[in-house]
Amino acid sequence: MVQITGATKLLGVMGHPVEHSLSPVMHNAALKALATQHHHFLEYVYIPFSVTANALPTVVSSLRELGCCGFNITIPHKQMIMPLLMETTAIAKAVGAVNTVWPTDTGWAGTNTDVEGFLSPLQPLNRDWSTVTPCILGCGGAARAVLAGCAQLGCPQVHIIGRQSAKLEQLRTTCATTLSIDIQIHLWENLPRLLPLAALLINTTPVGMSPHTQVSPLSTADIDQLPQDAIVYDLIYTPNPTLLLERTQSTGRIAITGVEMLVQQGAAALSLWINQPAPVDIMREALLACFT
């Protein structure tokens, strides 16, 4: 456990629900390691805050009064937090969502480290991304970060598949002005004809997340329609792997779990709060220990 004293500084994650979050596990492991290694390091503790939409403005204001040193934002507040901030970074504006907040002299500031986290396991792969047209399953807040990441990779076009035409159109409209990528939207029934083109397929939906681990957005027959060298990337990290990724691995295709995205977005946030590099390996080990 992190030692809590009268000088302990507060960090956390805000969402609703938030009980399932593993962010406290990896952040507190990192903070404990830093406090052990560096005697001059201020002690911090990272805790979850379960906050409803109605309570969000009051809690955000109260945390500033309490001297909170920063917090993460997760579902469903990544877009709702933005009007409560005095400053947002260019990447947060481009994504239209914030996941990391820190205090300034004039109020809270926010950015989005999900993009950096999403890109981390893709960048080492030897791919010419200018020839890849990703398919994104889902059109919520996570899809926005993935869209921005695909634009940064240099993908010229992306297909987004969802179940609500109005939500799809809203996503395309808001992101088309901020991201340099051609966005094509499709309803779910059009997915079969897109699969043979999907060299990179990303699941941003909650389908397959604990406790509903025996469902998947794609069947094995669907996965067989993907290119043989396709990459299937599931942002879900509980369970690890998901049924989608188990099926992907069984066909010999590349499967990427959401664990690495969680680690890297968390490390980027922690580095921002404490103004020094985060111990990424310790954060990863703490997370992986939750799945053994």
Protein backbone atom coordinates (compact mmCIF):
# COMPACT_ATOMS: atom_id res chain seq x y z
CA MET A 1 0.00 0.00 0.00
CA VAL A 2 1.01 3.60 -0.61
CA GLN A 3 1.84 5.24 2.72
CA ILE A 4 -0.69 8.01 3.40
CA THR A 5 0.44 10.91 5.59
CA GLY A 6 -0.61 14.48 6.19
CA ALA A 7 1.53 15.52 3.22
CA THR A 8 0.09 12.97 0.74
CA LYS A 9 -1.02 14.48 -2.56
CA LEU A 10 -4.27 13.41 -4.27
CA LEU A 11 -4.69 11.98 -7.79
CA GLY A 12 -7.58 9.90 -9.14
CA VAL A 13 -9.94 8.74 -11.85
CA MET A 14 -13.48 10.01 -12.28
CA GLY A 15 -16.25 8.05 -13.99
CA HIS A 16 -19.60 6.32 -13.50
CA PRO A 17 -19.34 3.45 -12.94
CA VAL A 18 -15.69 3.36 -11.97
CA GLU A 19 -15.43 0.32 -9.69
CA HIS A 20 -14.07 -1.83 -12.53
CA SER A 21 -11.15 0.53 -13.28
CA LEU A 22 -7.64 -0.88 -12.97
CA SER A 23 -6.06 2.57 -13.18
CA PRO A 24 -5.65 2.76 -9.37
CA VAL A 25 -3.72 -0.53 -9.45
CA MET A 26 -1.12 0.62 -11.98
CA HIS A 27 -0.83 4.22 -10.76
CA ASN A 28 -0.40 3.34 -7.10
CA ALA A 29 2.20 0.70 -8.01
CA ALA A 30 4.11 3.36 -9.94
CA LEU A 31 3.78 5.96 -7.18
CA LYS A 32 4.96 3.51 -4.52
CA ALA A 33 7.99 2.61 -6.63
CA LEU A 34 8.88 6.26 -7.20
CA ALA A 35 8.56 7.07 -3.48
CA THR A 36 10.81 4.11 -2.64
CA GLN A 37 13.45 4.97 -5.23
CA HIS A 38 13.57 8.73 -4.67
CA HIS A 39 13.57 10.03 -1.11
CA HIS A 40 12.78 13.55 -2.31
CA PHE A 41 9.70 12.36 -4.22
CA LEU A 42 6.41 13.66 -2.79
CA GLU A 43 4.02 10.89 -1.86
CA TYR A 44 0.79 10.63 -3.83
CA VAL A 45 -2.26 8.39 -3.71
CA TYR A 46 -4.53 7.64 -6.69
CA ILE A 47 -8.16 6.79 -5.93
CA PRO A 48 -11.38 6.22 -7.90
CA PHE A 49 -14.23 8.76 -7.78
CA SER A 50 -17.69 7.51 -8.76
CA VAL A 51 -19.38 10.67 -10.04
CA THR A 52 -22.75 11.04 -11.79
CA ALA A 53 -23.23 13.50 -14.64
CA ASN A 54 -25.31 15.80 -12.44
CA ALA A 55 -22.61 15.94 -9.78
CA LEU A 56 -19.70 16.46 -12.19
CA PRO A 57 -19.44 20.29 -11.99
CA THR A 58 -19.60 20.30 -8.18
CA VAL A 59 -17.03 17.54 -7.79
CA VAL A 60 -14.60 19.11 -10.28
CA SER A 61 -14.80 22.42 -8.42
CA SER A 62 -14.43 20.72 -5.03
CA LEU A 63 -11.35 18.76 -6.08
CA ARG A 64 -9.64 22.03 -6.96
CA GLU A 65 -10.45 23.40 -3.52
CA LEU A 66 -9.03 20.21 -1.96
CA GLY A 67 -5.74 20.71 -3.80
CA CYS A 68 -6.06 17.69 -6.06
CA CYS A 69 -2.98 17.40 -8.30
CA GLY A 70 -4.82 15.91 -11.27
CA PHE A 71 -7.23 13.21 -12.35
CA ASN A 72 -8.24 10.99 -15.23
CA ILE A 73 -11.70 11.10 -16.78
CA THR A 74 -13.39 7.97 -18.07
CA ILE A 75 -16.84 6.94 -19.33
CA PRO A 76 -19.20 8.82 -19.50
CA HIS A 77 -17.52 12.17 -18.75
CA LYS A 78 -14.79 12.57 -21.41
CA GLN A 79 -16.82 15.08 -23.39
CA MET A 80 -18.89 16.55 -20.53
CA ILE A 81 -15.73 17.65 -18.69
CA MET A 82 -14.60 19.99 -21.47
CA PRO A 83 -16.83 23.02 -20.67
CA LEU A 84 -15.57 22.86 -17.07
CA LEU A 85 -11.93 23.39 -18.11
CA MET A 86 -10.12 26.70 -18.57
CA GLU A 87 -7.68 25.23 -21.11
CA THR A 88 -7.59 22.25 -23.48
CA THR A 89 -4.73 21.07 -25.68
CA ALA A 90 -4.88 20.91 -29.47
CA ILE A 91 -5.14 17.10 -29.42
CA ALA A 92 -8.05 17.25 -26.95
CA LYS A 93 -9.84 19.73 -29.21
CA ALA A 94 -9.17 17.54 -32.24
CA VAL A 95 -10.54 14.46 -30.48
CA GLY A 96 -13.37 16.35 -28.82
CA ALA A 97 -12.72 14.54 -25.54
CA VAL A 98 -10.46 14.81 -22.49
CA ASN A 99 -9.11 11.97 -20.35
CA THR A 100 -6.42 13.75 -18.29
CA VAL A 101 -6.82 16.91 -16.20
CA TRP A 102 -4.34 18.95 -14.15
CA PRO A 103 -4.49 22.24 -12.18
CA THR A 104 -3.20 25.60 -13.39
CA ASP A 105 -3.18 29.03 -11.77
CA THR A 106 -6.49 29.90 -13.42
CA GLY A 107 -8.35 26.56 -13.25
CA TRP A 108 -8.27 23.05 -14.65
CA ALA A 109 -6.56 22.18 -17.93
CA GLY A 110 -7.13 19.02 -19.95
CA THR A 111 -5.61 16.86 -22.67
CA ASN A 112 -6.15 13.45 -24.23
CA THR A 113 -3.47 10.80 -23.72
CA ASP A 114 -5.68 8.05 -25.20
CA VAL A 115 -4.29 8.87 -28.66
CA GLU A 116 -0.72 8.34 -27.49
CA GLY A 117 -1.76 5.14 -25.73
CA PHE A 118 -3.59 3.82 -28.78
CA LEU A 119 -0.63 4.42 -31.09
CA SER A 120 2.03 2.89 -28.84
CA PRO A 121 1.65 -0.82 -29.84
CA LEU A 122 1.04 0.06 -33.52
CA GLN A 123 4.09 2.24 -34.17
CA PRO A 124 6.68 -0.60 -33.87
CA LEU A 125 4.84 -2.67 -36.52
CA ASN A 126 6.38 -2.58 -39.97
CA ARG A 127 3.41 -1.25 -41.92
CA ASP A 128 2.96 1.40 -44.59
CA TRP A 129 0.01 3.11 -42.91
CA SER A 130 -0.61 5.31 -45.96
CA THR A 131 -1.97 2.16 -47.66
CA VAL A 132 -4.13 1.03 -44.71
CA THR A 133 -7.84 1.86 -44.37
CA PRO A 134 -8.80 1.08 -40.75
CA CYS A 135 -12.26 -0.09 -39.72
CA ILE A 136 -13.46 1.17 -36.34
CA LEU A 137 -16.29 -0.65 -34.57
CA GLY A 138 -18.28 1.84 -32.48
CA CYS A 139 -18.76 5.59 -32.53
CA GLY A 140 -18.39 6.73 -28.91
CA GLY A 141 -15.67 8.70 -27.13
CA ALA A 142 -13.01 6.00 -27.58
CA ALA A 143 -13.64 5.99 -31.33
CA ARG A 144 -12.73 9.70 -31.42
CA ALA A 145 -9.28 9.01 -29.96
CA VAL A 146 -8.76 6.12 -32.38
CA LEU A 147 -9.77 8.37 -35.29
CA ALA A 148 -7.17 10.94 -34.25
CA GLY A 149 -4.57 8.18 -33.92
CA CYS A 150 -5.32 6.85 -37.41
CA ALA A 151 -4.93 10.37 -38.78
CA GLN A 152 -1.55 10.69 -37.04
CA LEU A 153 -0.44 7.36 -38.55
CA GLY A 154 -1.12 8.80 -41.99
CA CYS A 155 -4.07 6.59 -42.95
CA PRO A 156 -5.91 8.45 -45.75
CA GLN A 157 -9.37 7.05 -45.01
CA VAL A 158 -11.22 5.27 -42.21
CA HIS A 159 -14.51 3.36 -42.00
CA ILE A 160 -16.59 3.71 -38.83
CA ILE A 161 -19.30 1.13 -38.18
CA GLY A 162 -22.07 1.72 -35.65
CA ARG A 163 -25.73 1.04 -34.90
CA GLN A 164 -27.06 4.62 -34.64
CA SER A 165 -27.02 6.68 -37.83
CA ALA A 166 -27.47 10.00 -36.00
CA LYS A 167 -24.52 9.31 -33.69
CA LEU A 168 -22.37 8.23 -36.65
CA GLU A 169 -23.21 11.39 -38.56
CA GLN A 170 -22.47 13.56 -35.53
CA LEU A 171 -19.07 11.91 -35.13
CA ARG A 172 -18.22 12.45 -38.79
CA THR A 173 -19.38 16.07 -38.72
CA THR A 174 -17.46 17.04 -35.58
CA CYS A 175 -14.23 15.20 -36.47
CA ALA A 176 -14.10 16.08 -40.18
CA THR A 177 -13.23 19.69 -39.33
CA THR A 178 -10.39 18.83 -36.93
CA LEU A 179 -8.80 15.67 -38.39
CA SER A 180 -7.08 15.29 -41.75
CA ILE A 181 -8.62 11.95 -42.67
CA ASP A 182 -11.55 10.93 -44.89
CA ILE A 183 -14.26 9.51 -42.61
CA GLN A 184 -16.76 7.03 -44.06
CA ILE A 185 -19.67 5.92 -41.86
CA HIS A 186 -21.67 2.69 -42.09
CA LEU A 187 -24.45 0.96 -40.21
CA TRP A 188 -23.60 -2.42 -38.67
CA GLU A 189 -25.30 -4.44 -41.42
CA ASN A 190 -22.70 -3.12 -43.91
CA LEU A 191 -19.81 -4.63 -41.93
CA PRO A 192 -19.51 -7.90 -43.94
CA ARG A 193 -18.55 -6.11 -47.15
CA LEU A 194 -15.91 -4.04 -45.32
CA LEU A 195 -14.13 -6.96 -43.62
CA PRO A 196 -12.00 -7.99 -46.66
CA LEU A 197 -10.61 -4.43 -46.77
CA ALA A 198 -9.84 -4.13 -43.05
CA ALA A 199 -6.09 -4.53 -42.63
CA LEU A 200 -6.57 -2.82 -39.24
CA LEU A 201 -9.78 -3.42 -37.30
CA ILE A 202 -10.31 -1.71 -33.94
CA ASN A 203 -13.07 -2.55 -31.47
CA THR A 204 -14.07 0.52 -29.42
CA THR A 205 -17.40 -0.97 -28.29
CA PRO A 206 -17.92 -2.57 -24.84
CA VAL A 207 -19.00 -5.87 -26.46
CA GLY A 208 -16.99 -8.63 -24.77
CA MET A 209 -16.08 -6.66 -21.64
CA SER A 210 -16.38 -8.30 -18.21
CA PRO A 211 -18.72 -9.65 -17.01
CA HIS A 212 -20.10 -10.43 -20.51
CA THR A 213 -16.99 -12.28 -21.64
CA GLN A 214 -18.66 -14.88 -23.88
CA VAL A 215 -19.75 -12.42 -26.57
CA SER A 216 -17.76 -10.84 -29.38
CA PRO A 217 -18.48 -8.18 -32.02
CA LEU A 218 -17.13 -10.60 -34.68
CA SER A 219 -17.60 -14.32 -35.22
CA THR A 220 -14.72 -16.56 -36.31
CA ALA A 221 -16.32 -16.60 -39.78
CA ASP A 222 -16.19 -12.78 -39.78
CA ILE A 223 -12.50 -12.79 -38.80
CA ASP A 224 -11.77 -15.25 -41.61
CA GLN A 225 -12.95 -12.56 -44.05
CA LEU A 226 -10.19 -10.18 -42.92
CA PRO A 227 -6.89 -10.02 -44.83
CA GLN A 228 -4.53 -12.73 -43.56
CA ASP A 229 -2.07 -10.10 -42.31
CA ALA A 230 -4.80 -8.06 -40.61
CA ILE A 231 -4.33 -6.53 -37.17
CA VAL A 232 -7.27 -6.80 -34.76
CA TYR A 233 -7.01 -4.32 -31.87
CA ASP A 234 -9.50 -4.57 -28.99
CA LEU A 235 -9.49 -1.59 -26.61
CA ILE A 236 -11.11 -3.74 -23.91
CA TYR A 237 -8.61 -4.91 -21.29
CA THR A 238 -10.88 -7.00 -19.03
CA PRO A 239 -10.79 -9.89 -19.79
CA ASN A 240 -7.31 -10.22 -21.26
CA PRO A 241 -7.61 -11.47 -23.94
CA THR A 242 -11.21 -10.97 -25.03
CA LEU A 243 -13.11 -13.59 -27.01
CA LEU A 244 -12.55 -11.42 -30.10
CA LEU A 245 -8.78 -11.62 -29.65
CA GLU A 246 -8.85 -15.34 -28.82
CA ARG A 247 -10.64 -15.93 -32.11
CA THR A 248 -8.19 -13.66 -33.92
CA GLN A 249 -5.17 -15.52 -32.55
CA SER A 250 -6.70 -18.87 -33.53
CA THR A 251 -6.73 -17.73 -37.18
CA GLY A 252 -3.07 -16.69 -37.11
CA ARG A 253 -3.77 -12.96 -37.35
CA ILE A 254 -2.20 -10.28 -35.18
CA ALA A 255 -4.13 -9.51 -31.97
CA ILE A 256 -3.49 -6.43 -29.81
CA THR A 257 -5.03 -6.18 -26.35
CA GLY A 258 -6.21 -2.99 -24.68
CA VAL A 259 -3.74 -3.49 -21.81
CA GLU A 260 -0.90 -1.68 -23.58
CA MET A 261 -3.11 1.28 -24.48
CA LEU A 262 -4.20 1.52 -20.83
CA VAL A 263 -0.58 1.40 -19.66
CA GLN A 264 0.72 3.98 -22.12
CA GLN A 265 -2.11 6.50 -21.71
CA GLY A 266 -1.69 6.16 -17.94
CA ALA A 267 2.06 6.63 -18.11
CA ALA A 268 1.64 9.76 -20.22
CA ALA A 269 -0.85 11.18 -17.69
CA LEU A 270 1.33 10.35 -14.69
CA SER A 271 4.39 11.94 -16.30
CA LEU A 272 2.38 15.11 -16.83
CA TRP A 273 1.23 15.24 -13.18
CA ILE A 274 4.58 14.52 -11.53
CA ASN A 275 6.82 16.18 -14.14
CA GLN A 276 9.11 13.18 -14.57
CA PRO A 277 9.08 9.90 -16.52
CA ALA A 278 6.61 7.28 -15.30
CA PRO A 279 7.87 3.73 -14.54
CA VAL A 280 6.05 2.10 -17.47
CA ASP A 281 7.34 -1.42 -16.78
CA ILE A 282 6.07 -1.33 -13.19
CA MET A 283 2.67 -0.09 -14.34
CA ARG A 284 2.45 -2.89 -16.92
CA GLU A 285 3.50 -5.57 -14.42
CA ALA A 286 0.92 -4.38 -11.89
CA LEU A 287 -1.83 -4.58 -14.52
CA LEU A 288 -0.83 -7.98 -15.88
CA ALA A 289 -0.77 -9.37 -12.33
CA CYS A 290 -4.52 -8.66 -12.20
CA PHE A 291 -5.11 -11.23 -14.95
CA THR A 292 -3.11 -14.12 -13.49
